[in-house]
C-alpha cells in the first residue's frame, strides 16, 4: 500500500529506494516515541501539482521540533523543495506526504538527542474514512493534559493515546472515537478535529486542549468567508443532543460527515448540512477550481 519496488523516499539526506530505508532498533524515537511528523496532501490541479498549505505544515513541523528539543537541519524552504522533488521522482500528483523527524542514534537514556534524521515518503491515499458518514462514540480515554506535553506539537508518542481510543471505539462497533479533555469537554477525534452544527452556526473546541489542525483552520476561514458563524468554545457531550449535524476535519480525513454519536442520530440529511457545503468548498479550494474562496497556499511550486 505504501511503497513498491520502484518507490523512492528521502532519508539520510538523499533519495533512496524505500526498501533500503533503515533505522537503528536502539534509537530513542522507537523506544520512547520522541519524534515529530506531519501529514500533508498534494493535489492534481489545473495549475499542476500543488501541495496544500505546505508552508503552514512545515512551520508546524519546525515548531514541533523546537517544542520537543529535536534538532532540525532543514529550513521550511528546503523541506518544500524536497517534497516536490519526491513527488516528481515517484510520478505522484494526488498523494499523501509523511515527513518524520526522529532521533537516529542508539540511546536508552531519557534525554534529548543531539542530532536528527529526516524521513519523507509519499503515496496515493484516498480519504481516510472513504467519504462515508462516521458513527462516533464518546471515548473513555481523554486527550493528554496540556500541561504534561506540548499539545500543539505533532509528536509521534502522542498518538499512542489516539490508537488506544480508536481501537476501543471500533471494538464496540463504532467507526471512531470522540475524546474529551481533562475537564470533561469535547476535544477532538484521535486524528481529526470535530465540529457540530446548531441554528445555522458551527461550534468547535478552542485552542488549549487540542491540536489546531491546518484543515480545521481552513474550514473556519471558509465558513466565515461564506457568512457562517463559527464559535470556538467549550461544550459538553450533552450539548451534542441538540446538534443538527457534525463533521470531522483533518489532512487524511479532509471533511467527513458524522452520522451519529453514541445513540444520538442526526436527523438532518448530511447533504443538507453546513458540513456538506464546506466539504464541497474545501474540495474546490484544494484543487484550485474556479470560484474557490479562501487564502491560497503561501508556497506554490510546480512538480
C-alpha atoms as a PDB file:
ATOM      1  CA  UNK A   1       0.000   0.000   0.000  1.00  0.00           C
ATOM      2  CA  UNK A   2       2.712   2.477   0.967  1.00  0.00           C
ATOM      3  CA  UNK A   3       5.531   1.554  -1.399  1.00  0.00           C
ATOM      4  CA  UNK A   4       6.590  -0.741  -4.213  1.00  0.00           C
ATOM      5  CA  UNK A   5       9.949  -1.925  -5.511  1.00  0.00           C
ATOM      6  CA  UNK A   6      10.151   1.313  -7.503  1.00  0.00           C
ATOM      7  CA  UNK A   7       9.272   3.780  -4.719  1.00  0.00           C
ATOM      8  CA  UNK A   8      11.841   6.370  -3.665  1.00  0.00           C
ATOM      9  CA  UNK A   9      11.931   8.028  -0.247  1.00  0.00           C
ATOM     10  CA  UNK A  10      14.085  10.779   1.199  1.00  0.00           C
ATOM     11  CA  UNK A  11      16.250   9.527   4.064  1.00  0.00           C
ATOM     12  CA  UNK A  12      19.694  10.358   5.377  1.00  0.00           C
ATOM     13  CA  UNK A  13      19.962  13.389   3.116  1.00  0.00           C
ATOM     14  CA  UNK A  14      19.306  11.582  -0.176  1.00  0.00           C
ATOM     15  CA  UNK A  15      16.664   9.857  -2.256  1.00  0.00           C
ATOM     16  CA  UNK A  16      16.908   6.074  -1.939  1.00  0.00           C
ATOM     17  CA  UNK A  17      14.674   3.066  -2.683  1.00  0.00           C
ATOM     18  CA  UNK A  18      12.057   2.686   0.038  1.00  0.00           C
ATOM     19  CA  UNK A  19      13.108  -0.897   0.759  1.00  0.00           C
ATOM     20  CA  UNK A  20      16.616   0.331   1.649  1.00  0.00           C
ATOM     21  CA  UNK A  21      15.497   2.833   4.311  1.00  0.00           C
ATOM     22  CA  UNK A  22      16.583   1.627   7.754  1.00  0.00           C
ATOM     23  CA  UNK A  23      16.896   2.867  11.318  1.00  0.00           C
ATOM     24  CA  UNK A  24      18.519   1.528  14.461  1.00  0.00           C
ATOM     25  CA  UNK A  25      16.395  -0.621  16.747  1.00  0.00           C
ATOM     26  CA  UNK A  26      18.196   1.139  19.606  1.00  0.00           C
ATOM     27  CA  UNK A  27      17.059   4.628  18.533  1.00  0.00           C
ATOM     28  CA  UNK A  28      15.293   6.504  21.333  1.00  0.00           C
ATOM     29  CA  UNK A  29      12.492   7.556  18.975  1.00  0.00           C
ATOM     30  CA  UNK A  30      11.486   3.928  18.546  1.00  0.00           C
ATOM     31  CA  UNK A  31      11.523   3.214  22.280  1.00  0.00           C
ATOM     32  CA  UNK A  32      10.076   6.453  23.643  1.00  0.00           C
ATOM     33  CA  UNK A  33       8.072   7.977  20.776  1.00  0.00           C
ATOM     34  CA  UNK A  34      10.341  11.016  20.745  1.00  0.00           C
ATOM     35  CA  UNK A  35       9.807  12.021  17.127  1.00  0.00           C
ATOM     36  CA  UNK A  36       7.632  14.525  15.257  1.00  0.00           C
ATOM     37  CA  UNK A  37       5.814  14.300  11.951  1.00  0.00           C
ATOM     38  CA  UNK A  38       3.337  15.902   9.582  1.00  0.00           C
ATOM     39  CA  UNK A  39       0.547  14.628   7.346  1.00  0.00           C
ATOM     40  CA  UNK A  40       0.323  16.634   4.109  1.00  0.00           C
ATOM     41  CA  UNK A  41      -1.641  16.273   0.884  1.00  0.00           C
ATOM     42  CA  UNK A  42      -0.776  17.088  -2.719  1.00  0.00           C
ATOM     43  CA  UNK A  43      -3.472  17.548  -5.351  1.00  0.00           C
ATOM     44  CA  UNK A  44      -3.549  17.405  -9.116  1.00  0.00           C
ATOM     45  CA  UNK A  45      -4.908  20.828 -10.092  1.00  0.00           C
ATOM     46  CA  UNK A  46      -5.424  22.730 -13.328  1.00  0.00           C
ATOM     47  CA  UNK A  47      -2.244  24.604 -12.375  1.00  0.00           C
ATOM     48  CA  UNK A  48      -0.183  21.444 -11.883  1.00  0.00           C
ATOM     49  CA  UNK A  49       0.676  19.508  -8.744  1.00  0.00           C
ATOM     50  CA  UNK A  50       0.105  21.609  -5.627  1.00  0.00           C
ATOM     51  CA  UNK A  51       0.866  20.720  -2.028  1.00  0.00           C
ATOM     52  CA  UNK A  52      -1.851  22.294   0.088  1.00  0.00           C
ATOM     53  CA  UNK A  53      -0.727  24.644   2.873  1.00  0.00           C
ATOM     54  CA  UNK A  54       2.829  23.361   2.634  1.00  0.00           C
ATOM     55  CA  UNK A  55       4.342  26.370   4.382  1.00  0.00           C
ATOM     56  CA  UNK A  56       1.973  26.005   7.345  1.00  0.00           C
ATOM     57  CA  UNK A  57       2.729  22.301   7.643  1.00  0.00           C
ATOM     58  CA  UNK A  58       6.481  22.775   7.685  1.00  0.00           C
ATOM     59  CA  UNK A  59       6.296  25.723  10.042  1.00  0.00           C
ATOM     60  CA  UNK A  60       4.402  23.450  12.417  1.00  0.00           C
ATOM     61  CA  UNK A  61       6.987  20.699  11.938  1.00  0.00           C
ATOM     62  CA  UNK A  62       9.724  23.184  12.862  1.00  0.00           C
ATOM     63  CA  UNK A  63       7.707  24.262  15.920  1.00  0.00           C
ATOM     64  CA  UNK A  64       7.215  20.627  16.947  1.00  0.00           C
ATOM     65  CA  UNK A  65      10.978  20.089  16.803  1.00  0.00           C
ATOM     66  CA  UNK A  66      11.656  23.160  18.940  1.00  0.00           C
ATOM     67  CA  UNK A  67       8.952  22.221  21.451  1.00  0.00           C
ATOM     68  CA  UNK A  68      10.380  18.726  21.905  1.00  0.00           C
ATOM     69  CA  UNK A  69      14.094  19.630  21.704  1.00  0.00           C
ATOM     70  CA  UNK A  70      14.692  17.685  18.494  1.00  0.00           C
ATOM     71  CA  UNK A  71      17.227  19.368  16.189  1.00  0.00           C
ATOM     72  CA  UNK A  72      16.012  20.112  12.655  1.00  0.00           C
ATOM     73  CA  UNK A  73      18.662  20.511   9.962  1.00  0.00           C
ATOM     74  CA  UNK A  74      16.303  21.750   7.231  1.00  0.00           C
ATOM     75  CA  UNK A  75      14.573  25.058   6.594  1.00  0.00           C
ATOM     76  CA  UNK A  76      10.926  25.340   5.547  1.00  0.00           C
ATOM     77  CA  UNK A  77      12.067  26.123   2.008  1.00  0.00           C
ATOM     78  CA  UNK A  78      14.397  23.129   1.900  1.00  0.00           C
ATOM     79  CA  UNK A  79      11.622  20.840   3.129  1.00  0.00           C
ATOM     80  CA  UNK A  80       9.326  22.279   0.474  1.00  0.00           C
ATOM     81  CA  UNK A  81      11.857  21.631  -2.287  1.00  0.00           C
ATOM     82  CA  UNK A  82      12.441  18.049  -1.105  1.00  0.00           C
ATOM     83  CA  UNK A  83       8.690  17.440  -1.091  1.00  0.00           C
ATOM     84  CA  UNK A  84       8.175  18.491  -4.692  1.00  0.00           C
ATOM     85  CA  UNK A  85      11.233  16.519  -5.792  1.00  0.00           C
ATOM     86  CA  UNK A  86       9.872  13.446  -4.012  1.00  0.00           C
ATOM     87  CA  UNK A  87       6.526  13.762  -5.787  1.00  0.00           C
ATOM     88  CA  UNK A  88       8.194  14.199  -9.159  1.00  0.00           C
ATOM     89  CA  UNK A  89      10.566  11.244  -8.679  1.00  0.00           C
ATOM     90  CA  UNK A  90       7.621   8.999  -7.808  1.00  0.00           C
ATOM     91  CA  UNK A  91       5.356  10.398 -10.530  1.00  0.00           C
ATOM     92  CA  UNK A  92       2.716  11.404  -7.976  1.00  0.00           C
ATOM     93  CA  UNK A  93       0.182  14.223  -8.142  1.00  0.00           C
ATOM     94  CA  UNK A  94      -2.650  13.199  -5.801  1.00  0.00           C
ATOM     95  CA  UNK A  95      -0.668  11.985  -2.830  1.00  0.00           C
ATOM     96  CA  UNK A  96      -0.308  11.877   0.926  1.00  0.00           C
ATOM     97  CA  UNK A  97       3.099  13.011   2.201  1.00  0.00           C
ATOM     98  CA  UNK A  98       4.616  11.918   5.514  1.00  0.00           C
ATOM     99  CA  UNK A  99       7.744  13.705   6.784  1.00  0.00           C
ATOM    100  CA  UNK A 100       9.152  12.296  10.025  1.00  0.00           C
ATOM    101  CA  UNK A 101      11.971  13.814  12.083  1.00  0.00           C
ATOM    102  CA  UNK A 102      13.418  11.313  14.531  1.00  0.00           C
ATOM    103  CA  UNK A 103      16.441  10.681  16.730  1.00  0.00           C
ATOM    104  CA  UNK A 104      18.522   8.114  14.791  1.00  0.00           C
ATOM    105  CA  UNK A 105      21.323   7.317  17.225  1.00  0.00           C
ATOM    106  CA  UNK A 106      21.297   4.417  19.726  1.00  0.00           C
ATOM    107  CA  UNK A 107      20.179   5.930  23.046  1.00  0.00           C
ATOM    108  CA  UNK A 108      18.429   4.345  26.005  1.00  0.00           C
ATOM    109  CA  UNK A 109      18.830   7.308  28.365  1.00  0.00           C
ATOM    110  CA  UNK A 110      15.900   9.678  28.865  1.00  0.00           C
ATOM    111  CA  UNK A 111      17.361  12.772  27.256  1.00  0.00           C
ATOM    112  CA  UNK A 112      17.019  14.910  24.157  1.00  0.00           C
ATOM    113  CA  UNK A 113      19.011  13.905  21.062  1.00  0.00           C
ATOM    114  CA  UNK A 114      21.940  15.898  19.699  1.00  0.00           C
ATOM    115  CA  UNK A 115      21.081  15.099  16.086  1.00  0.00           C
ATOM    116  CA  UNK A 116      18.100  14.033  13.997  1.00  0.00           C
ATOM    117  CA  UNK A 117      17.286  12.343  10.724  1.00  0.00           C
ATOM    118  CA  UNK A 118      14.591  13.253   8.206  1.00  0.00           C
ATOM    119  CA  UNK A 119      12.498  10.550   6.569  1.00  0.00           C
ATOM    120  CA  UNK A 120       9.948  11.563   3.940  1.00  0.00           C
ATOM    121  CA  UNK A 121       7.622   9.305   1.968  1.00  0.00           C
ATOM    122  CA  UNK A 122       4.648   9.839  -0.339  1.00  0.00           C
ATOM    123  CA  UNK A 123       1.950   7.530  -1.625  1.00  0.00           C
ATOM    124  CA  UNK A 124      -1.541   7.593  -3.086  1.00  0.00           C
ATOM    125  CA  UNK A 125      -4.040   7.505  -0.233  1.00  0.00           C
ATOM    126  CA  UNK A 126      -7.758   8.174  -0.548  1.00  0.00           C
ATOM    127  CA  UNK A 127      -9.960   9.790   2.065  1.00  0.00           C
ATOM    128  CA  UNK A 128      -9.238   8.203   5.459  1.00  0.00           C
ATOM    129  CA  UNK A 129     -12.920   7.395   6.042  1.00  0.00           C
ATOM    130  CA  UNK A 130     -13.616   6.576   2.365  1.00  0.00           C
ATOM    131  CA  UNK A 131     -16.059   9.516   2.274  1.00  0.00           C
ATOM    132  CA  UNK A 132     -18.550   7.523   4.348  1.00  0.00           C
ATOM    133  CA  UNK A 133     -20.552   9.046   7.198  1.00  0.00           C
ATOM    134  CA  UNK A 134     -18.990   8.031  10.502  1.00  0.00           C
ATOM    135  CA  UNK A 135     -20.532   6.653  13.684  1.00  0.00           C
ATOM    136  CA  UNK A 136     -18.748   8.125  16.698  1.00  0.00           C
ATOM    137  CA  UNK A 137     -18.739   7.204  20.362  1.00  0.00           C
ATOM    138  CA  UNK A 138     -17.583   9.188  23.373  1.00  0.00           C
ATOM    139  CA  UNK A 139     -14.333   7.555  24.400  1.00  0.00           C
ATOM    140  CA  UNK A 140     -13.488   6.540  27.968  1.00  0.00           C
ATOM    141  CA  UNK A 141     -10.000   7.865  27.215  1.00  0.00           C
ATOM    142  CA  UNK A 142      -9.156  11.570  27.433  1.00  0.00           C
ATOM    143  CA  UNK A 143      -6.811  13.756  25.458  1.00  0.00           C
ATOM    144  CA  UNK A 144      -3.465  14.322  27.238  1.00  0.00           C
ATOM    145  CA  UNK A 145      -3.260  17.034  29.844  1.00  0.00           C
ATOM    146  CA  UNK A 146      -1.816  20.080  28.011  1.00  0.00           C
ATOM    147  CA  UNK A 147       0.469  20.707  30.989  1.00  0.00           C
ATOM    148  CA  UNK A 148       2.042  17.276  30.565  1.00  0.00           C
ATOM    149  CA  UNK A 149       3.088  17.628  26.908  1.00  0.00           C
ATOM    150  CA  UNK A 150       3.285  20.411  24.283  1.00  0.00           C
ATOM    151  CA  UNK A 151      -0.205  19.731  22.941  1.00  0.00           C
ATOM    152  CA  UNK A 152       0.243  21.859  19.786  1.00  0.00           C
ATOM    153  CA  UNK A 153       3.267  19.802  18.696  1.00  0.00           C
ATOM    154  CA  UNK A 154       2.590  16.827  16.411  1.00  0.00           C
ATOM    155  CA  UNK A 155       4.563  14.274  18.415  1.00  0.00           C
ATOM    156  CA  UNK A 156       4.654  10.604  17.454  1.00  0.00           C
ATOM    157  CA  UNK A 157       4.310   9.440  21.053  1.00  0.00           C
ATOM    158  CA  UNK A 158       1.053  11.369  21.500  1.00  0.00           C
ATOM    159  CA  UNK A 159      -0.604   9.027  19.028  1.00  0.00           C
ATOM    160  CA  UNK A 160      -0.486   6.069  21.406  1.00  0.00           C
ATOM    161  CA  UNK A 161      -3.442   7.823  23.033  1.00  0.00           C
ATOM    162  CA  UNK A 162      -5.143   8.064  19.625  1.00  0.00           C
ATOM    163  CA  UNK A 163      -4.548   4.409  18.725  1.00  0.00           C
ATOM    164  CA  UNK A 164      -5.861   3.155  22.057  1.00  0.00           C
ATOM    165  CA  UNK A 165      -9.003   5.314  21.909  1.00  0.00           C
ATOM    166  CA  UNK A 166      -9.697   4.433  18.273  1.00  0.00           C
ATOM    167  CA  UNK A 167      -9.235   0.703  18.865  1.00  0.00           C
ATOM    168  CA  UNK A 168     -11.535   0.775  21.880  1.00  0.00           C
ATOM    169  CA  UNK A 169     -14.284   2.525  19.874  1.00  0.00           C
ATOM    170  CA  UNK A 170     -14.011   0.067  16.983  1.00  0.00           C
ATOM    171  CA  UNK A 171     -14.076  -2.876  19.393  1.00  0.00           C
ATOM    172  CA  UNK A 172     -17.567  -1.678  20.411  1.00  0.00           C
ATOM    173  CA  UNK A 173     -18.745  -1.475  16.810  1.00  0.00           C
ATOM    174  CA  UNK A 174     -18.255   2.236  16.136  1.00  0.00           C
ATOM    175  CA  UNK A 175     -16.214   3.824  13.352  1.00  0.00           C
ATOM    176  CA  UNK A 176     -14.214   6.202  15.505  1.00  0.00           C
ATOM    177  CA  UNK A 177     -13.774   7.717  18.952  1.00  0.00           C
ATOM    178  CA  UNK A 178     -14.555  11.226  20.156  1.00  0.00           C
ATOM    179  CA  UNK A 179     -12.310  12.177  23.052  1.00  0.00           C
ATOM    180  CA  UNK A 180     -12.958  14.592  25.895  1.00  0.00           C
ATOM    181  CA  UNK A 181     -10.404  16.836  27.578  1.00  0.00           C
ATOM    182  CA  UNK A 182      -9.357  16.627  31.236  1.00  0.00           C
ATOM    183  CA  UNK A 183     -12.322  18.803  32.246  1.00  0.00           C
ATOM    184  CA  UNK A 184     -14.942  16.680  30.504  1.00  0.00           C
ATOM    185  CA  UNK A 185     -15.449  18.929  27.487  1.00  0.00           C
ATOM    186  CA  UNK A 186     -15.481  17.554  23.940  1.00  0.00           C
ATOM    187  CA  UNK A 187     -11.994  17.876  22.451  1.00  0.00           C
ATOM    188  CA  UNK A 188     -11.380  16.042  19.155  1.00  0.00           C
ATOM    189  CA  UNK A 189     -11.075  12.708  17.396  1.00  0.00           C
ATOM    190  CA  UNK A 190      -7.949  10.536  17.530  1.00  0.00           C
ATOM    191  CA  UNK A 191      -6.600  12.168  14.368  1.00  0.00           C
ATOM    192  CA  UNK A 192      -9.128  14.826  13.444  1.00  0.00           C
ATOM    193  CA  UNK A 193     -10.873  17.924  14.750  1.00  0.00           C
ATOM    194  CA  UNK A 194     -14.600  17.975  15.482  1.00  0.00           C
ATOM    195  CA  UNK A 195     -17.341  20.465  14.571  1.00  0.00           C
ATOM    196  CA  UNK A 196     -21.045  20.408  15.323  1.00  0.00           C
ATOM    197  CA  UNK A 197     -23.874  22.473  13.836  1.00  0.00           C
ATOM    198  CA  UNK A 198     -26.789  24.192  15.523  1.00  0.00           C
ATOM    199  CA  UNK A 199     -29.095  27.002  14.399  1.00  0.00           C
ATOM    200  CA  UNK A 200     -27.045  27.812  11.302  1.00  0.00           C
ATOM    201  CA  UNK A 201     -23.727  28.138  13.148  1.00  0.00           C
ATOM    202  CA  UNK A 202     -20.661  25.980  13.726  1.00  0.00           C
ATOM    203  CA  UNK A 203     -19.096  25.118  17.068  1.00  0.00           C
ATOM    204  CA  UNK A 204     -15.685  23.596  17.734  1.00  0.00           C
ATOM    205  CA  UNK A 205     -13.351  23.191  20.708  1.00  0.00           C
ATOM    206  CA  UNK A 206     -10.985  26.119  21.343  1.00  0.00           C
ATOM    207  CA  UNK A 207      -7.204  26.040  21.448  1.00  0.00           C
ATOM    208  CA  UNK A 208      -5.575  24.713  24.578  1.00  0.00           C
ATOM    209  CA  UNK A 209      -6.569  21.061  24.735  1.00  0.00           C
ATOM    210  CA  UNK A 210      -6.487  20.171  21.019  1.00  0.00           C
ATOM    211  CA  UNK A 211      -4.106  20.085  18.091  1.00  0.00           C
ATOM    212  CA  UNK A 212      -5.315  23.016  15.985  1.00  0.00           C
ATOM    213  CA  UNK A 213      -5.406  21.249  12.655  1.00  0.00           C
ATOM    214  CA  UNK A 214      -4.475  23.041   9.457  1.00  0.00           C
ATOM    215  CA  UNK A 215      -7.635  21.647   7.848  1.00  0.00           C
ATOM    216  CA  UNK A 216      -9.621  22.892  10.868  1.00  0.00           C
ATOM    217  CA  UNK A 217      -8.267  26.397  10.423  1.00  0.00           C
ATOM    218  CA  UNK A 218      -9.020  26.297   6.695  1.00  0.00           C
ATOM    219  CA  UNK A 219     -12.626  25.218   7.350  1.00  0.00           C
ATOM    220  CA  UNK A 220     -13.085  28.050   9.854  1.00  0.00           C
ATOM    221  CA  UNK A 221     -11.780  30.513   7.273  1.00  0.00           C
ATOM    222  CA  UNK A 222     -14.020  29.088   4.546  1.00  0.00           C
ATOM    223  CA  UNK A 223     -17.084  29.186   6.797  1.00  0.00           C
ATOM    224  CA  UNK A 224     -16.552  32.795   7.788  1.00  0.00           C
ATOM    225  CA  UNK A 225     -15.992  33.767   4.152  1.00  0.00           C
ATOM    226  CA  UNK A 226     -19.359  32.143   3.406  1.00  0.00           C
ATOM    227  CA  UNK A 227     -21.064  34.085   6.180  1.00  0.00           C
ATOM    228  CA  UNK A 228     -21.395  31.101   8.525  1.00  0.00           C
ATOM    229  CA  UNK A 229     -20.817  31.999  12.214  1.00  0.00           C
ATOM    230  CA  UNK A 230     -18.112  29.929  13.910  1.00  0.00           C
ATOM    231  CA  UNK A 231     -17.752  29.713  17.674  1.00  0.00           C
ATOM    232  CA  UNK A 232     -14.648  28.266  19.321  1.00  0.00           C
ATOM    233  CA  UNK A 233     -15.818  27.367  22.791  1.00  0.00           C
ATOM    234  CA  UNK A 234     -16.042  24.566  25.345  1.00  0.00           C
ATOM    235  CA  UNK A 235     -19.056  22.244  25.246  1.00  0.00           C
ATOM    236  CA  UNK A 236     -20.077  19.012  26.918  1.00  0.00           C
ATOM    237  CA  UNK A 237     -21.232  15.759  25.276  1.00  0.00           C
ATOM    238  CA  UNK A 238     -24.789  16.567  26.400  1.00  0.00           C
ATOM    239  CA  UNK A 239     -24.766  19.663  24.190  1.00  0.00           C
ATOM    240  CA  UNK A 240     -24.493  17.417  21.148  1.00  0.00           C
ATOM    241  CA  UNK A 241     -28.003  16.037  21.761  1.00  0.00           C
ATOM    242  CA  UNK A 242     -29.338  19.333  20.370  1.00  0.00           C
ATOM    243  CA  UNK A 243     -26.988  19.476  17.380  1.00  0.00           C
ATOM    244  CA  UNK A 244     -28.386  19.179  13.872  1.00  0.00           C
ATOM    245  CA  UNK A 245     -25.185  17.852  12.310  1.00  0.00           C
ATOM    246  CA  UNK A 246     -21.483  17.268  12.828  1.00  0.00           C
ATOM    247  CA  UNK A 247     -18.310  16.537  10.907  1.00  0.00           C
ATOM    248  CA  UNK A 248     -14.608  15.781  11.313  1.00  0.00           C
ATOM    249  CA  UNK A 249     -11.683  17.528   9.627  1.00  0.00           C
ATOM    250  CA  UNK A 250      -8.073  16.554   9.034  1.00  0.00           C
ATOM    251  CA  UNK A 251      -5.500  16.210   6.287  1.00  0.00           C
ATOM    252  CA  UNK A 252      -6.101  12.466   5.939  1.00  0.00           C
ATOM    253  CA  UNK A 253      -9.860  12.689   6.510  1.00  0.00           C
ATOM    254  CA  UNK A 254     -10.348  16.033   4.692  1.00  0.00           C
ATOM    255  CA  UNK A 255     -14.003  16.762   5.643  1.00  0.00           C
ATOM    256  CA  UNK A 256     -16.203  13.800   6.590  1.00  0.00           C
ATOM    257  CA  UNK A 257     -19.749  13.851   7.925  1.00  0.00           C
ATOM    258  CA  UNK A 258     -20.854  12.279  11.188  1.00  0.00           C
ATOM    259  CA  UNK A 259     -23.983  10.120  11.143  1.00  0.00           C
ATOM    260  CA  UNK A 260     -24.338   9.640  14.892  1.00  0.00           C
ATOM    261  CA  UNK A 261     -22.679   9.960  18.289  1.00  0.00           C
ATOM    262  CA  UNK A 262     -23.468   7.001  20.527  1.00  0.00           C
ATOM    263  CA  UNK A 263     -27.288   6.706  20.453  1.00  0.00           C
ATOM    264  CA  UNK A 264     -27.933  10.171  19.018  1.00  0.00           C
ATOM    265  CA  UNK A 265     -28.577  10.060  15.271  1.00  0.00           C
ATOM    266  CA  UNK A 266     -28.534  13.363  13.397  1.00  0.00           C
ATOM    267  CA  UNK A 267     -31.889  13.751  11.669  1.00  0.00           C
ATOM    268  CA  UNK A 268     -30.825  16.326   9.080  1.00  0.00           C
ATOM    269  CA  UNK A 269     -29.613  14.579   5.907  1.00  0.00           C
ATOM    270  CA  UNK A 270     -25.901  15.185   5.546  1.00  0.00           C
ATOM    271  CA  UNK A 271     -26.408  16.632   2.051  1.00  0.00           C
ATOM    272  CA  UNK A 272     -28.435  19.450   3.667  1.00  0.00           C
ATOM    273  CA  UNK A 273     -25.875  20.311   6.350  1.00  0.00           C
ATOM    274  CA  UNK A 274     -23.299  23.073   6.618  1.00  0.00           C
ATOM    275  CA  UNK A 275     -20.670  20.353   6.706  1.00  0.00           C
ATOM    276  CA  UNK A 276     -21.608  19.148   3.236  1.00  0.00           C
ATOM    277  CA  UNK A 277     -21.388  22.700   1.862  1.00  0.00           C
ATOM    278  CA  UNK A 278     -17.977  23.169   3.440  1.00  0.00           C
ATOM    279  CA  UNK A 279     -16.757  19.791   2.194  1.00  0.00           C
ATOM    280  CA  UNK A 280     -17.576  20.873  -1.359  1.00  0.00           C
ATOM    281  CA  UNK A 281     -15.920  24.250  -0.849  1.00  0.00           C
ATOM    282  CA  UNK A 282     -12.825  22.613   0.626  1.00  0.00           C
ATOM    283  CA  UNK A 283     -12.561  20.176  -2.295  1.00  0.00           C
ATOM    284  CA  UNK A 284     -12.760  23.086  -4.731  1.00  0.00           C
ATOM    285  CA  UNK A 285     -10.150  25.048  -2.809  1.00  0.00           C
ATOM    286  CA  UNK A 286      -7.504  22.344  -2.603  1.00  0.00           C
ATOM    287  CA  UNK A 287      -7.937  21.520  -6.292  1.00  0.00           C
ATOM    288  CA  UNK A 288      -7.837  25.224  -7.199  1.00  0.00           C
ATOM    289  CA  UNK A 289     -11.133  25.102  -9.027  1.00  0.00           C
ATOM    290  CA  UNK A 290     -12.673  28.341 -10.263  1.00  0.00           C
ATOM    291  CA  UNK A 291     -14.780  30.016  -7.597  1.00  0.00           C
ATOM    292  CA  UNK A 292     -12.989  28.570  -4.569  1.00  0.00           C
ATOM    293  CA  UNK A 293     -12.878  31.201  -1.853  1.00  0.00           C
ATOM    294  CA  UNK A 294     -10.066  31.203   0.690  1.00  0.00           C
ATOM    295  CA  UNK A 295      -6.436  32.051   1.003  1.00  0.00           C
ATOM    296  CA  UNK A 296      -4.230  30.095  -1.356  1.00  0.00           C
ATOM    297  CA  UNK A 297      -1.262  28.124  -0.012  1.00  0.00           C
ATOM    298  CA  UNK A 298       1.552  30.500   0.819  1.00  0.00           C
ATOM    299  CA  UNK A 299       4.138  28.450  -1.113  1.00  0.00           C
ATOM    300  CA  UNK A 300       3.296  27.066  -4.526  1.00  0.00           C
ATOM    301  CA  UNK A 301       5.623  25.099  -6.804  1.00  0.00           C
ATOM    302  CA  UNK A 302       5.198  23.041  -9.906  1.00  0.00           C
ATOM    303  CA  UNK A 303       6.188  19.419  -9.714  1.00  0.00           C
END
